[in-house]
């Protein structure tokens, strides 16, 4: 069963998918958020296309572990996804994943323009990979 990983942001949503065994995650796309909600339709299309059975949404927590306004928005997004797709949706602590993705891209000497295009899907891949790793360590 494949899992879909999402990095929910103000303007973009990074999307990653796992392999069929649930061992590895790969960033696949960045979806632009739209006022008309069409971004939700695109996520539904990707979930169907990749035959996803579960979804993991990054939950941005404060460094002290509390959930702030950004985290509340992600929780609402996860609930909407659960209702829309009828799939289990897990929230996963995403602290510093975008920072880690940015650092990786900087080390690879990726231009600022290209970093902006791919950082969200890389962050989604990190969120999903961390979730998969935690399940395999149990």
Protein backbone atom coordinates (compact mmCIF):
# COMPACT_ATOMS: atom_id res chain seq x y z
CA UNK A 1 0.00 0.00 0.00
CA UNK A 2 1.31 3.42 -0.95
CA UNK A 3 1.20 6.49 1.26
CA UNK A 4 0.93 10.12 0.21
CA UNK A 5 2.96 12.72 2.11
CA UNK A 6 1.95 16.38 2.11
CA UNK A 7 3.79 19.52 3.19
CA UNK A 8 0.96 22.07 3.55
CA UNK A 9 2.08 25.66 3.07
CA UNK A 10 0.55 29.10 2.60
CA UNK A 11 0.96 29.09 -1.19
CA UNK A 12 2.04 25.58 -2.13
CA UNK A 13 1.55 21.98 -1.06
CA UNK A 14 4.48 19.64 -1.52
CA UNK A 15 3.47 16.11 -2.47
CA UNK A 16 5.43 12.88 -2.04
CA UNK A 17 4.48 9.23 -2.50
CA UNK A 18 5.92 6.05 -1.06
CA UNK A 19 6.88 2.93 -2.96
CA UNK A 20 4.42 0.02 -2.82
CA UNK A 21 6.25 -1.54 0.14
CA UNK A 22 6.20 1.64 2.24
CA UNK A 23 9.99 1.75 2.45
CA UNK A 24 10.95 4.89 0.55
CA UNK A 25 9.42 8.29 -0.21
CA UNK A 26 9.84 10.34 -3.36
CA UNK A 27 8.73 13.94 -3.89
CA UNK A 28 6.52 14.05 -6.99
CA UNK A 29 4.86 17.43 -7.34
CA UNK A 30 4.16 20.84 -5.90
CA UNK A 31 0.50 21.85 -6.02
CA UNK A 32 -0.38 25.55 -6.00
CA UNK A 33 -3.08 26.42 -3.47
CA UNK A 34 -6.11 28.04 -5.11
CA UNK A 35 -8.98 30.11 -3.76
CA UNK A 36 -11.46 27.89 -5.64
CA UNK A 37 -10.20 24.76 -3.84
CA UNK A 38 -8.99 23.08 -7.04
CA UNK A 39 -5.81 22.09 -5.21
CA UNK A 40 -7.90 19.60 -3.22
CA UNK A 41 -9.08 18.03 -6.47
CA UNK A 42 -5.48 17.68 -7.65
CA UNK A 43 -4.51 15.94 -4.41
CA UNK A 44 -7.48 13.59 -4.84
CA UNK A 45 -6.32 12.86 -8.41
CA UNK A 46 -2.78 12.09 -7.22
CA UNK A 47 -4.09 9.83 -4.46
CA UNK A 48 -6.15 7.87 -6.98
CA UNK A 49 -3.38 7.77 -9.59
CA UNK A 50 -0.88 6.31 -7.12
CA UNK A 51 -3.44 4.04 -5.42
CA UNK A 52 -2.81 5.60 -2.03
CA UNK A 53 -4.25 3.95 1.07
CA UNK A 54 -3.15 6.50 3.70
CA UNK A 55 -2.05 10.12 3.85
CA UNK A 56 0.57 11.77 6.05
CA UNK A 57 0.31 15.54 6.58
CA UNK A 58 3.18 17.46 8.12
CA UNK A 59 2.22 19.15 11.38
CA UNK A 60 4.37 22.19 12.13
CA UNK A 61 4.90 22.32 15.86
CA UNK A 62 6.68 25.01 17.78
CA UNK A 63 10.13 24.05 19.04
CA UNK A 64 8.65 23.50 22.52
CA UNK A 65 6.18 20.96 21.08
CA UNK A 66 3.07 23.14 21.20
CA UNK A 67 0.78 23.68 18.22
CA UNK A 68 0.41 27.24 16.96
CA UNK A 69 -1.84 28.89 14.36
CA UNK A 70 -0.01 27.27 11.43
CA UNK A 71 -0.46 23.86 13.05
CA UNK A 72 -4.16 24.49 13.55
CA UNK A 73 -4.51 25.21 9.81
CA UNK A 74 -2.78 21.92 9.02
CA UNK A 75 -5.11 20.03 11.35
CA UNK A 76 -8.12 21.57 9.57
CA UNK A 77 -6.59 20.66 6.20
CA UNK A 78 -6.06 17.05 7.37
CA UNK A 79 -9.68 16.79 8.53
CA UNK A 80 -10.92 18.13 5.18
CA UNK A 81 -8.76 15.58 3.34
CA UNK A 82 -10.07 12.76 5.51
CA UNK A 83 -13.67 13.72 4.70
CA UNK A 84 -13.00 14.31 1.00
CA UNK A 85 -11.01 11.13 0.30
CA UNK A 86 -12.31 8.76 2.95
CA UNK A 87 -8.76 7.68 3.76
CA UNK A 88 -6.87 7.58 7.06
CA UNK A 89 -4.89 10.81 7.54
CA UNK A 90 -1.97 10.93 9.97
CA UNK A 91 -0.38 14.12 11.28
CA UNK A 92 3.40 13.96 11.58
CA UNK A 93 5.75 16.39 13.31
CA UNK A 94 7.51 18.27 10.54
CA UNK A 95 9.75 20.57 12.57
CA UNK A 96 12.71 21.76 10.50
CA UNK A 97 11.93 19.65 7.39
CA UNK A 98 11.75 22.70 5.12
CA UNK A 99 15.00 23.99 6.64
CA UNK A 100 16.60 20.61 5.99
CA UNK A 101 15.30 20.56 2.40
CA UNK A 102 16.66 24.10 1.81
CA UNK A 103 20.04 23.11 3.25
CA UNK A 104 20.23 20.04 1.00
CA UNK A 105 19.45 22.14 -2.07
CA UNK A 106 21.99 24.79 -1.09
CA UNK A 107 24.67 22.14 -0.64
CA UNK A 108 23.81 20.81 -4.10
CA UNK A 109 24.29 24.35 -5.45
CA UNK A 110 20.74 24.56 -6.81
CA UNK A 111 19.80 28.07 -7.96
CA UNK A 112 17.36 30.15 -5.91
CA UNK A 113 14.71 29.91 -8.65
CA UNK A 114 14.93 26.12 -8.87
CA UNK A 115 15.00 25.77 -5.06
CA UNK A 116 11.70 27.62 -4.85
CA UNK A 117 10.18 25.18 -7.36
CA UNK A 118 11.24 21.98 -5.59
CA UNK A 119 11.70 22.71 -1.87
CA UNK A 120 8.09 21.86 -0.97
CA UNK A 121 8.08 18.45 -2.64
CA UNK A 122 11.45 17.64 -1.06
CA UNK A 123 10.07 18.65 2.36
CA UNK A 124 7.03 16.41 1.69
CA UNK A 125 9.43 13.57 0.89
CA UNK A 126 11.28 14.14 4.17
CA UNK A 127 8.03 14.18 6.16
CA UNK A 128 6.85 10.96 4.56
CA UNK A 129 10.26 9.25 4.86
CA UNK A 130 10.46 10.13 8.57
CA UNK A 131 6.98 8.67 9.06
CA UNK A 132 7.89 5.48 7.16
CA UNK A 133 11.14 5.12 9.12
CA UNK A 134 9.29 5.45 12.42
CA UNK A 135 6.90 2.65 11.42
CA UNK A 136 9.73 0.32 10.35
CA UNK A 137 11.56 0.87 13.65
CA UNK A 138 8.65 -0.43 15.71
